[in-house]
């Protein structure tokens, strides 16, 4: 892995300079950057069938290229037949090169494969420069064999940036290729 991922090279060569120019940072450490991407898959059906969780772990391993951590229930909820400590999902945190490679694949290959895709929401920021995106179907990832993973399973992707505001984070993600919906008031170019 000696080569830099394409997106990381683009960030270091051009995006960082454009952000500095646009927001007028005086210190290079003020420039927003991607810190990590977290994939989280909640598998509620794992309460009744442990094999469903194994499939989710296998799928997440193939998608991210690293082994996920099993997440457990924090409280017991009788209505869901859930006990504290039961395994109910899995998650992966990607950083550095793996994070840039995943984001490049997500923007170039995965999101265009989503059915009826018209861009992702501009509003899913948390106020501190972090963005969360939900996918309802894991089979948009080309790594997964549709014959093996027959059950539809969704996941959440969280992009953690060092940006202090939503606008800075949105600009960073847009420059990195995230296909946001057109801003209200701007017409989107016909492709």
N, C-alpha and C. Protein backbone atom coordinates (compact mmCIF):
# COMPACT_ATOMS: atom_id res chain seq x y z
N UNK A 1 0.82 -1.20 0.00
CA UNK A 1 0.00 0.00 0.00
C UNK A 1 0.87 1.26 0.00
N UNK A 2 1.90 1.27 -0.79
CA UNK A 2 2.79 2.43 -0.80
C UNK A 2 2.18 3.60 -1.57
N UNK A 3 1.37 3.30 -2.60
CA UNK A 3 0.74 4.37 -3.37
C UNK A 3 -0.35 5.03 -2.54
N UNK A 4 -0.46 6.35 -2.72
CA UNK A 4 -1.54 7.07 -2.05
C UNK A 4 -2.84 6.80 -2.80
N UNK A 5 -3.94 6.65 -2.10
CA UNK A 5 -5.24 6.56 -2.78
C UNK A 5 -5.50 7.83 -3.59
N UNK A 6 -6.22 7.68 -4.68
CA UNK A 6 -6.49 8.79 -5.60
C UNK A 6 -7.13 9.99 -4.90
N UNK A 7 -8.10 9.72 -4.02
CA UNK A 7 -8.81 10.80 -3.34
C UNK A 7 -7.91 11.53 -2.33
N UNK A 8 -7.02 10.78 -1.68
CA UNK A 8 -6.09 11.40 -0.73
C UNK A 8 -5.13 12.32 -1.47
N UNK A 9 -4.64 11.89 -2.62
CA UNK A 9 -3.74 12.72 -3.41
C UNK A 9 -4.47 13.98 -3.89
N UNK A 10 -5.73 13.83 -4.32
CA UNK A 10 -6.51 14.98 -4.77
C UNK A 10 -6.71 15.96 -3.61
N UNK A 11 -6.98 15.44 -2.41
CA UNK A 11 -7.16 16.32 -1.24
C UNK A 11 -5.88 17.11 -0.97
N UNK A 12 -4.75 16.40 -0.92
CA UNK A 12 -3.49 17.06 -0.57
C UNK A 12 -3.05 18.04 -1.66
N UNK A 13 -3.30 17.71 -2.93
CA UNK A 13 -2.80 18.55 -4.03
C UNK A 13 -3.70 19.74 -4.33
N UNK A 14 -5.02 19.54 -4.37
CA UNK A 14 -5.90 20.63 -4.82
C UNK A 14 -6.97 21.05 -3.82
N UNK A 15 -7.66 20.09 -3.21
CA UNK A 15 -8.81 20.41 -2.36
C UNK A 15 -8.40 21.26 -1.16
N UNK A 16 -7.30 20.90 -0.52
CA UNK A 16 -6.83 21.65 0.66
C UNK A 16 -6.59 23.12 0.30
N UNK A 17 -5.96 23.37 -0.85
CA UNK A 17 -5.70 24.74 -1.30
C UNK A 17 -6.97 25.51 -1.58
N UNK A 18 -7.94 24.84 -2.23
CA UNK A 18 -9.22 25.51 -2.53
C UNK A 18 -9.96 25.88 -1.25
N UNK A 19 -9.95 24.96 -0.26
CA UNK A 19 -10.63 25.24 1.01
C UNK A 19 -9.98 26.43 1.73
N UNK A 20 -8.65 26.47 1.72
CA UNK A 20 -7.93 27.57 2.36
C UNK A 20 -8.30 28.89 1.71
N UNK A 21 -8.36 28.87 0.37
CA UNK A 21 -8.70 30.07 -0.40
C UNK A 21 -10.14 30.51 -0.10
N UNK A 22 -11.07 29.54 -0.08
CA UNK A 22 -12.49 29.88 0.09
C UNK A 22 -12.82 30.38 1.49
N UNK A 23 -12.25 29.75 2.53
CA UNK A 23 -12.60 30.12 3.90
C UNK A 23 -11.54 31.01 4.58
N UNK A 24 -10.40 31.24 3.92
CA UNK A 24 -9.38 32.14 4.44
C UNK A 24 -8.71 31.67 5.72
N UNK A 25 -8.29 30.40 5.77
CA UNK A 25 -7.60 29.89 6.96
C UNK A 25 -6.18 30.44 7.02
N UNK A 26 -5.74 30.79 8.22
CA UNK A 26 -4.38 31.31 8.37
C UNK A 26 -3.41 30.18 8.76
N UNK A 27 -3.93 29.14 9.36
CA UNK A 27 -3.11 28.03 9.83
C UNK A 27 -3.47 26.77 9.04
N UNK A 28 -2.49 26.00 8.55
CA UNK A 28 -2.82 24.81 7.76
C UNK A 28 -3.59 23.74 8.56
N UNK A 29 -3.50 23.79 9.88
CA UNK A 29 -4.22 22.82 10.70
C UNK A 29 -5.70 23.16 10.86
N UNK A 30 -6.11 24.38 10.43
CA UNK A 30 -7.52 24.75 10.48
C UNK A 30 -8.30 24.15 9.31
N UNK A 31 -7.61 23.77 8.24
CA UNK A 31 -8.27 23.27 7.03
C UNK A 31 -8.99 21.96 7.35
N UNK A 32 -10.29 21.87 7.05
CA UNK A 32 -11.03 20.64 7.36
C UNK A 32 -10.46 19.45 6.59
N UNK A 33 -10.50 18.28 7.23
CA UNK A 33 -10.05 17.04 6.58
C UNK A 33 -10.94 15.90 7.06
N UNK A 34 -10.93 14.82 6.31
CA UNK A 34 -11.65 13.62 6.72
C UNK A 34 -10.85 12.96 7.85
N UNK A 35 -11.54 12.56 8.92
CA UNK A 35 -10.85 11.89 10.01
C UNK A 35 -11.13 10.39 10.00
N UNK A 36 -12.41 10.03 9.81
CA UNK A 36 -12.75 8.60 9.75
C UNK A 36 -14.11 8.42 9.11
N UNK A 37 -14.37 7.20 8.67
CA UNK A 37 -15.69 6.80 8.18
C UNK A 37 -16.11 5.59 9.00
N UNK A 38 -17.31 5.65 9.56
CA UNK A 38 -17.83 4.56 10.37
C UNK A 38 -19.02 3.92 9.68
N UNK A 39 -18.98 2.61 9.52
CA UNK A 39 -20.10 1.85 8.97
C UNK A 39 -20.77 1.13 10.12
N UNK A 40 -22.09 1.23 10.21
CA UNK A 40 -22.83 0.62 11.32
C UNK A 40 -24.02 -0.12 10.75
N UNK A 41 -24.18 -1.38 11.14
CA UNK A 41 -25.28 -2.19 10.66
C UNK A 41 -26.02 -2.76 11.87
N UNK A 42 -27.25 -2.34 12.07
CA UNK A 42 -28.06 -2.88 13.15
C UNK A 42 -28.86 -4.07 12.62
N UNK A 43 -28.73 -5.20 13.30
CA UNK A 43 -29.40 -6.42 12.82
C UNK A 43 -30.36 -6.88 13.90
N UNK A 44 -31.58 -6.34 13.88
CA UNK A 44 -32.56 -6.68 14.89
C UNK A 44 -32.98 -8.13 14.87
N UNK A 45 -32.98 -8.75 13.68
CA UNK A 45 -33.39 -10.15 13.57
C UNK A 45 -32.38 -11.11 14.18
N UNK A 46 -31.21 -10.61 14.58
CA UNK A 46 -30.18 -11.47 15.18
C UNK A 46 -30.64 -12.02 16.53
N UNK A 47 -31.66 -11.42 17.13
CA UNK A 47 -32.19 -11.92 18.41
C UNK A 47 -32.71 -13.34 18.24
N UNK A 48 -33.43 -13.58 17.13
CA UNK A 48 -34.01 -14.90 16.91
C UNK A 48 -33.10 -15.86 16.17
N UNK A 49 -32.19 -15.35 15.34
CA UNK A 49 -31.36 -16.22 14.51
C UNK A 49 -29.94 -15.66 14.45
N UNK A 50 -28.98 -16.37 15.06
CA UNK A 50 -27.59 -15.90 15.13
C UNK A 50 -26.92 -15.89 13.75
N UNK A 51 -27.40 -16.71 12.81
CA UNK A 51 -26.78 -16.78 11.48
C UNK A 51 -26.94 -15.46 10.73
N UNK A 52 -28.01 -14.73 11.00
CA UNK A 52 -28.25 -13.44 10.33
C UNK A 52 -27.14 -12.46 10.69
N UNK A 53 -26.70 -12.47 11.95
CA UNK A 53 -25.59 -11.61 12.37
C UNK A 53 -24.29 -12.03 11.69
N UNK A 54 -24.08 -13.34 11.53
CA UNK A 54 -22.88 -13.83 10.85
C UNK A 54 -22.84 -13.35 9.40
N UNK A 55 -24.01 -13.35 8.73
CA UNK A 55 -24.08 -12.84 7.36
C UNK A 55 -23.75 -11.35 7.32
N UNK A 56 -24.25 -10.60 8.30
CA UNK A 56 -23.99 -9.15 8.35
C UNK A 56 -22.50 -8.88 8.56
N UNK A 57 -21.87 -9.65 9.45
CA UNK A 57 -20.44 -9.50 9.71
C UNK A 57 -19.65 -9.81 8.44
N UNK A 58 -20.03 -10.88 7.75
CA UNK A 58 -19.35 -11.28 6.52
C UNK A 58 -19.49 -10.18 5.45
N UNK A 59 -20.70 -9.65 5.31
CA UNK A 59 -20.95 -8.59 4.32
C UNK A 59 -20.12 -7.35 4.64
N UNK A 60 -20.10 -6.96 5.92
CA UNK A 60 -19.36 -5.76 6.29
C UNK A 60 -17.85 -5.96 6.11
N UNK A 61 -17.35 -7.19 6.34
CA UNK A 61 -15.94 -7.48 6.12
C UNK A 61 -15.59 -7.30 4.65
N UNK A 62 -16.46 -7.78 3.76
CA UNK A 62 -16.21 -7.65 2.32
C UNK A 62 -16.30 -6.19 1.87
N UNK A 63 -17.24 -5.45 2.42
CA UNK A 63 -17.43 -4.05 2.02
C UNK A 63 -16.26 -3.18 2.47
N UNK A 64 -15.82 -3.36 3.72
CA UNK A 64 -14.82 -2.44 4.29
C UNK A 64 -13.39 -2.95 4.17
N UNK A 65 -13.20 -4.24 4.04
CA UNK A 65 -11.85 -4.78 3.98
C UNK A 65 -11.22 -4.98 5.35
N UNK A 66 -12.00 -4.86 6.41
CA UNK A 66 -11.49 -5.15 7.75
C UNK A 66 -12.60 -5.76 8.59
N UNK A 67 -12.21 -6.47 9.66
CA UNK A 67 -13.17 -7.22 10.45
C UNK A 67 -13.97 -6.28 11.36
N UNK A 68 -15.31 -6.39 11.32
CA UNK A 68 -16.13 -5.51 12.16
C UNK A 68 -16.16 -5.94 13.63
N UNK A 69 -16.57 -5.01 14.47
CA UNK A 69 -16.76 -5.26 15.89
C UNK A 69 -18.24 -5.57 16.09
N UNK A 70 -18.55 -6.58 16.87
CA UNK A 70 -19.94 -6.91 17.19
C UNK A 70 -20.44 -5.93 18.24
N UNK A 71 -21.61 -5.31 17.98
CA UNK A 71 -22.19 -4.39 18.96
C UNK A 71 -23.26 -5.14 19.75
N UNK A 72 -23.39 -4.79 21.01
CA UNK A 72 -24.33 -5.49 21.88
C UNK A 72 -25.36 -4.51 22.43
N UNK A 73 -26.49 -5.05 22.89
CA UNK A 73 -27.57 -4.22 23.44
C UNK A 73 -27.13 -3.62 24.78
N UNK A 74 -27.43 -2.35 24.99
CA UNK A 74 -27.06 -1.68 26.23
C UNK A 74 -28.10 -1.88 27.33
N UNK A 75 -29.38 -2.04 26.92
CA UNK A 75 -30.43 -2.24 27.92
C UNK A 75 -31.33 -3.39 27.48
N UNK A 76 -32.02 -3.95 28.43
CA UNK A 76 -33.02 -4.97 28.13
C UNK A 76 -34.34 -4.30 27.77
N UNK A 77 -35.00 -4.81 26.71
CA UNK A 77 -36.31 -4.31 26.32
C UNK A 77 -37.21 -5.53 26.13
N UNK A 78 -38.13 -5.71 27.07
CA UNK A 78 -38.97 -6.91 27.07
C UNK A 78 -39.83 -7.02 25.82
N UNK A 79 -40.35 -5.91 25.33
CA UNK A 79 -41.21 -5.93 24.15
C UNK A 79 -40.51 -6.47 22.91
N UNK A 80 -39.20 -6.31 22.83
CA UNK A 80 -38.44 -6.80 21.69
C UNK A 80 -37.74 -8.12 22.00
N UNK A 81 -38.01 -8.70 23.20
CA UNK A 81 -37.33 -9.92 23.66
C UNK A 81 -35.81 -9.73 23.64
N UNK A 82 -35.39 -8.55 24.07
CA UNK A 82 -33.98 -8.17 24.01
C UNK A 82 -33.41 -8.12 25.43
N UNK A 83 -32.27 -8.75 25.63
CA UNK A 83 -31.59 -8.72 26.92
C UNK A 83 -30.30 -7.92 26.80
N UNK A 84 -29.91 -7.28 27.88
CA UNK A 84 -28.67 -6.52 27.89
C UNK A 84 -27.49 -7.45 27.55
N UNK A 85 -26.62 -6.99 26.65
CA UNK A 85 -25.44 -7.78 26.28
C UNK A 85 -25.64 -8.68 25.07
N UNK A 86 -26.87 -8.77 24.54
CA UNK A 86 -27.10 -9.61 23.35
C UNK A 86 -26.48 -8.95 22.12
N UNK A 87 -25.86 -9.73 21.23
CA UNK A 87 -25.30 -9.14 20.01
C UNK A 87 -26.43 -8.74 19.05
N UNK A 88 -26.44 -7.46 18.62
CA UNK A 88 -27.53 -6.98 17.76
C UNK A 88 -27.04 -6.21 16.54
N UNK A 89 -25.73 -6.21 16.27
CA UNK A 89 -25.24 -5.49 15.10
C UNK A 89 -23.73 -5.56 15.00
N UNK A 90 -23.20 -4.82 14.02
CA UNK A 90 -21.75 -4.76 13.86
C UNK A 90 -21.37 -3.40 13.29
N UNK A 91 -20.12 -3.02 13.52
CA UNK A 91 -19.64 -1.73 13.03
C UNK A 91 -18.15 -1.80 12.70
N UNK A 92 -17.73 -0.90 11.79
CA UNK A 92 -16.34 -0.81 11.37
C UNK A 92 -15.96 0.67 11.34
N UNK A 93 -14.75 0.99 11.77
CA UNK A 93 -14.23 2.35 11.65
C UNK A 93 -13.02 2.30 10.73
N UNK A 94 -13.08 3.09 9.65
CA UNK A 94 -11.97 3.12 8.70
C UNK A 94 -11.26 4.47 8.81
N UNK A 95 -9.94 4.42 8.77
CA UNK A 95 -9.14 5.63 8.82
C UNK A 95 -8.07 5.57 7.73
N UNK A 96 -7.39 6.70 7.52
CA UNK A 96 -6.28 6.85 6.60
C UNK A 96 -6.55 6.29 5.20
N UNK A 97 -5.64 5.46 4.66
CA UNK A 97 -5.74 5.02 3.27
C UNK A 97 -7.03 4.24 3.00
N UNK A 98 -7.40 3.35 3.90
CA UNK A 98 -8.60 2.54 3.69
C UNK A 98 -9.85 3.43 3.61
N UNK A 99 -9.87 4.50 4.41
CA UNK A 99 -10.99 5.44 4.41
C UNK A 99 -11.09 6.14 3.06
N UNK A 100 -9.96 6.63 2.53
CA UNK A 100 -9.97 7.32 1.23
C UNK A 100 -10.38 6.37 0.10
N UNK A 101 -9.87 5.13 0.15
CA UNK A 101 -10.23 4.17 -0.90
C UNK A 101 -11.72 3.83 -0.84
N UNK A 102 -12.27 3.68 0.38
CA UNK A 102 -13.69 3.39 0.53
C UNK A 102 -14.53 4.55 0.01
N UNK A 103 -14.16 5.78 0.35
CA UNK A 103 -14.94 6.94 -0.09
C UNK A 103 -14.90 7.07 -1.61
N UNK A 104 -13.75 6.81 -2.21
CA UNK A 104 -13.62 6.85 -3.67
C UNK A 104 -14.57 5.84 -4.31
N UNK A 105 -14.58 4.61 -3.77
CA UNK A 105 -15.48 3.56 -4.29
C UNK A 105 -16.94 3.95 -4.09
N UNK A 106 -17.26 4.53 -2.93
CA UNK A 106 -18.63 4.91 -2.61
C UNK A 106 -19.15 5.94 -3.61
N UNK A 107 -18.34 6.97 -3.87
CA UNK A 107 -18.76 8.07 -4.74
C UNK A 107 -18.80 7.64 -6.21
N UNK A 108 -17.80 6.85 -6.65
CA UNK A 108 -17.68 6.51 -8.06
C UNK A 108 -18.54 5.32 -8.48
N UNK A 109 -18.71 4.34 -7.59
CA UNK A 109 -19.37 3.10 -7.99
C UNK A 109 -20.68 2.84 -7.26
N UNK A 110 -20.67 2.97 -5.92
CA UNK A 110 -21.81 2.53 -5.12
C UNK A 110 -23.02 3.45 -5.24
N UNK A 111 -22.86 4.75 -4.99
CA UNK A 111 -24.02 5.66 -5.01
C UNK A 111 -24.70 5.71 -6.38
N UNK A 112 -23.96 5.69 -7.51
CA UNK A 112 -24.66 5.66 -8.80
C UNK A 112 -25.50 4.39 -9.01
N UNK A 113 -25.21 3.31 -8.26
CA UNK A 113 -25.97 2.06 -8.41
C UNK A 113 -27.27 2.06 -7.60
N UNK A 114 -27.45 3.05 -6.73
CA UNK A 114 -28.68 3.12 -5.93
C UNK A 114 -29.86 3.42 -6.85
N UNK A 115 -30.92 2.67 -6.69
CA UNK A 115 -32.10 2.83 -7.54
C UNK A 115 -32.74 4.20 -7.32
N UNK A 116 -33.15 4.85 -8.41
CA UNK A 116 -33.81 6.17 -8.37
C UNK A 116 -32.98 7.19 -7.60
N UNK A 117 -31.67 7.21 -7.83
CA UNK A 117 -30.78 8.09 -7.08
C UNK A 117 -30.81 9.50 -7.67
N UNK A 118 -31.11 10.48 -6.82
CA UNK A 118 -31.15 11.87 -7.27
C UNK A 118 -30.23 12.76 -6.43
N UNK A 119 -29.29 12.16 -5.75
CA UNK A 119 -28.40 12.93 -4.89
C UNK A 119 -28.71 12.66 -3.43
N UNK A 120 -27.75 12.96 -2.57
CA UNK A 120 -27.96 12.73 -1.14
C UNK A 120 -28.35 14.04 -0.46
N UNK A 121 -29.00 13.92 0.67
CA UNK A 121 -29.52 15.08 1.39
C UNK A 121 -28.41 16.04 1.80
N UNK A 122 -28.70 17.33 1.72
CA UNK A 122 -27.73 18.35 2.14
C UNK A 122 -27.85 18.63 3.63
N UNK A 123 -28.87 18.06 4.30
CA UNK A 123 -29.20 18.47 5.67
C UNK A 123 -28.77 17.47 6.75
N UNK A 124 -28.17 16.35 6.38
CA UNK A 124 -27.91 15.31 7.37
C UNK A 124 -26.60 15.54 8.15
N UNK A 125 -26.31 16.80 8.47
CA UNK A 125 -25.13 17.13 9.26
C UNK A 125 -25.55 17.29 10.71
N UNK A 126 -24.62 17.10 11.63
CA UNK A 126 -24.97 17.13 13.05
C UNK A 126 -24.67 18.47 13.73
N UNK A 127 -24.20 19.47 12.98
CA UNK A 127 -23.88 20.76 13.59
C UNK A 127 -22.41 20.90 13.91
N UNK A 128 -21.68 19.78 13.92
CA UNK A 128 -20.24 19.81 14.22
C UNK A 128 -19.40 19.33 13.04
N UNK A 129 -19.98 19.33 11.84
CA UNK A 129 -19.22 18.96 10.67
C UNK A 129 -19.18 17.48 10.35
N UNK A 130 -20.07 16.68 10.95
CA UNK A 130 -20.12 15.24 10.66
C UNK A 130 -21.37 14.95 9.85
N UNK A 131 -21.26 14.03 8.89
CA UNK A 131 -22.37 13.73 7.99
C UNK A 131 -22.74 12.26 8.10
N UNK A 132 -24.04 11.96 8.17
CA UNK A 132 -24.50 10.59 8.24
C UNK A 132 -25.41 10.29 7.06
N UNK A 133 -25.15 9.15 6.43
CA UNK A 133 -25.88 8.72 5.25
C UNK A 133 -26.41 7.31 5.50
N UNK A 134 -27.67 7.08 5.19
CA UNK A 134 -28.25 5.76 5.37
C UNK A 134 -28.47 5.09 4.03
N UNK A 135 -28.07 3.83 3.93
CA UNK A 135 -28.34 3.02 2.73
C UNK A 135 -29.34 1.94 3.13
N UNK A 136 -30.38 1.76 2.32
CA UNK A 136 -31.39 0.76 2.65
C UNK A 136 -31.03 -0.62 2.11
N UNK A 137 -30.08 -0.69 1.21
CA UNK A 137 -29.74 -1.95 0.56
C UNK A 137 -28.24 -2.10 0.49
N UNK A 138 -27.72 -3.22 1.01
CA UNK A 138 -26.27 -3.43 0.99
C UNK A 138 -25.77 -3.96 -0.35
N UNK A 139 -26.67 -4.46 -1.19
CA UNK A 139 -26.23 -5.06 -2.46
C UNK A 139 -25.80 -4.03 -3.50
N UNK A 140 -25.86 -2.72 -3.19
CA UNK A 140 -25.32 -1.73 -4.12
C UNK A 140 -23.79 -1.80 -4.13
N UNK A 141 -23.19 -2.47 -3.14
CA UNK A 141 -21.74 -2.66 -3.14
C UNK A 141 -21.40 -3.82 -4.06
N UNK A 142 -20.57 -3.59 -5.08
CA UNK A 142 -20.28 -4.64 -6.06
C UNK A 142 -19.48 -5.82 -5.49
N UNK A 143 -18.86 -5.66 -4.30
CA UNK A 143 -18.09 -6.75 -3.70
C UNK A 143 -18.97 -7.91 -3.27
N UNK A 144 -20.25 -7.62 -2.99
CA UNK A 144 -21.14 -8.64 -2.44
C UNK A 144 -21.78 -9.48 -3.54
N UNK A 145 -21.80 -10.78 -3.31
CA UNK A 145 -22.42 -11.72 -4.24
C UNK A 145 -23.93 -11.76 -3.93
N UNK A 146 -24.80 -11.36 -4.88
CA UNK A 146 -26.24 -11.33 -4.59
C UNK A 146 -26.84 -12.71 -4.32
N UNK A 147 -26.17 -13.78 -4.76
CA UNK A 147 -26.68 -15.13 -4.49
C UNK A 147 -26.48 -15.51 -3.02
N UNK A 148 -25.39 -15.01 -2.42
CA UNK A 148 -25.10 -15.35 -1.02
C UNK A 148 -25.90 -14.47 -0.06
N UNK A 149 -25.98 -13.16 -0.35
CA UNK A 149 -26.66 -12.22 0.55
C UNK A 149 -28.05 -11.92 -0.02
N UNK A 150 -29.00 -12.76 0.31
CA UNK A 150 -30.34 -12.62 -0.26
C UNK A 150 -31.22 -11.68 0.57
N UNK A 151 -30.96 -11.59 1.90
CA UNK A 151 -31.77 -10.73 2.75
C UNK A 151 -31.38 -9.27 2.56
N UNK A 152 -32.32 -8.36 2.29
CA UNK A 152 -31.95 -6.95 2.22
C UNK A 152 -31.56 -6.44 3.60
N UNK A 153 -30.45 -5.74 3.67
CA UNK A 153 -29.96 -5.24 4.94
C UNK A 153 -29.42 -3.83 4.73
N UNK A 154 -29.85 -2.88 5.54
CA UNK A 154 -29.40 -1.50 5.42
C UNK A 154 -28.21 -1.23 6.32
N UNK A 155 -27.66 -0.03 6.18
CA UNK A 155 -26.54 0.37 7.04
C UNK A 155 -26.45 1.89 7.08
N UNK A 156 -25.77 2.38 8.10
CA UNK A 156 -25.50 3.81 8.23
C UNK A 156 -24.02 4.05 8.02
N UNK A 157 -23.70 5.12 7.29
CA UNK A 157 -22.31 5.52 7.07
C UNK A 157 -22.15 6.91 7.67
N UNK A 158 -21.18 7.09 8.54
CA UNK A 158 -20.93 8.39 9.15
C UNK A 158 -19.55 8.88 8.74
N UNK A 159 -19.52 10.09 8.18
CA UNK A 159 -18.27 10.71 7.74
C UNK A 159 -17.89 11.75 8.79
N UNK A 160 -16.81 11.50 9.51
CA UNK A 160 -16.37 12.40 10.57
C UNK A 160 -15.26 13.28 10.00
N UNK A 161 -15.49 14.59 10.04
CA UNK A 161 -14.50 15.55 9.53
C UNK A 161 -14.01 16.42 10.68
N UNK A 162 -12.92 17.13 10.42
CA UNK A 162 -12.39 18.05 11.44
C UNK A 162 -13.01 19.44 11.30
N UNK A 163 -13.98 19.59 10.40
CA UNK A 163 -14.62 20.89 10.18
C UNK A 163 -15.40 21.32 11.42
N UNK A 164 -15.45 22.63 11.63
CA UNK A 164 -16.15 23.16 12.80
C UNK A 164 -17.63 23.45 12.49
N UNK A 165 -17.95 23.71 11.22
CA UNK A 165 -19.33 24.02 10.86
C UNK A 165 -19.83 23.09 9.76
N UNK A 166 -21.15 23.03 9.60
CA UNK A 166 -21.75 22.21 8.56
C UNK A 166 -21.35 22.69 7.17
N UNK A 167 -21.27 24.00 6.97
CA UNK A 167 -20.93 24.54 5.65
C UNK A 167 -19.53 24.13 5.23
N UNK A 168 -18.58 24.20 6.17
CA UNK A 168 -17.21 23.79 5.85
C UNK A 168 -17.17 22.30 5.50
N UNK A 169 -17.87 21.48 6.28
CA UNK A 169 -17.89 20.04 6.03
C UNK A 169 -18.57 19.73 4.70
N UNK A 170 -19.68 20.42 4.40
CA UNK A 170 -20.39 20.20 3.14
C UNK A 170 -19.50 20.54 1.95
N UNK A 171 -18.77 21.66 2.06
CA UNK A 171 -17.86 22.06 0.98
C UNK A 171 -16.76 21.02 0.81
N UNK A 172 -16.19 20.54 1.91
CA UNK A 172 -15.15 19.51 1.85
C UNK A 172 -15.68 18.25 1.15
N UNK A 173 -16.85 17.77 1.58
CA UNK A 173 -17.40 16.55 1.00
C UNK A 173 -17.78 16.75 -0.47
N UNK A 174 -18.30 17.94 -0.82
CA UNK A 174 -18.62 18.22 -2.22
C UNK A 174 -17.37 18.18 -3.08
N UNK A 175 -16.29 18.78 -2.59
CA UNK A 175 -15.04 18.77 -3.35
C UNK A 175 -14.47 17.36 -3.48
N UNK A 176 -14.80 16.49 -2.52
CA UNK A 176 -14.33 15.11 -2.59
C UNK A 176 -15.25 14.25 -3.45
N UNK A 177 -16.30 14.86 -4.01
CA UNK A 177 -17.12 14.14 -4.97
C UNK A 177 -18.48 13.66 -4.47
N UNK A 178 -18.86 13.99 -3.25
CA UNK A 178 -20.16 13.54 -2.75
C UNK A 178 -21.28 14.18 -3.57
N UNK A 179 -22.20 13.39 -4.11
CA UNK A 179 -23.25 13.93 -4.98
C UNK A 179 -24.46 14.45 -4.19
N UNK A 180 -24.33 15.65 -3.63
CA UNK A 180 -25.44 16.25 -2.89
C UNK A 180 -26.52 16.71 -3.86
N UNK A 181 -27.76 16.77 -3.37
CA UNK A 181 -28.85 17.34 -4.17
C UNK A 181 -28.53 18.82 -4.40
N UNK A 182 -29.08 19.36 -5.47
CA UNK A 182 -28.84 20.78 -5.76
C UNK A 182 -29.40 21.63 -4.62
N UNK A 183 -28.71 22.71 -4.31
CA UNK A 183 -29.16 23.61 -3.26
C UNK A 183 -30.49 24.24 -3.68
N UNK A 184 -31.42 24.43 -2.75
CA UNK A 184 -32.69 25.04 -3.13
C UNK A 184 -32.42 26.44 -3.68
N UNK A 185 -32.94 26.69 -4.87
CA UNK A 185 -32.70 27.98 -5.51
C UNK A 185 -31.74 27.87 -6.68
N UNK A 186 -30.90 26.81 -6.67
CA UNK A 186 -29.99 26.57 -7.80
C UNK A 186 -30.58 25.45 -8.66
N UNK A 187 -30.52 25.63 -9.94
CA UNK A 187 -30.96 24.57 -10.86
C UNK A 187 -29.79 23.62 -11.07
N UNK A 188 -30.10 22.31 -11.07
CA UNK A 188 -29.04 21.32 -11.30
C UNK A 188 -28.80 21.18 -12.79
N UNK A 189 -27.53 21.04 -13.18
CA UNK A 189 -27.18 20.89 -14.60
C UNK A 189 -27.76 19.59 -15.13
N UNK A 190 -28.30 19.64 -16.34
CA UNK A 190 -28.84 18.43 -16.97
C UNK A 190 -27.66 17.61 -17.48
N UNK A 191 -27.59 16.38 -17.02
CA UNK A 191 -26.45 15.53 -17.39
C UNK A 191 -26.77 14.70 -18.61
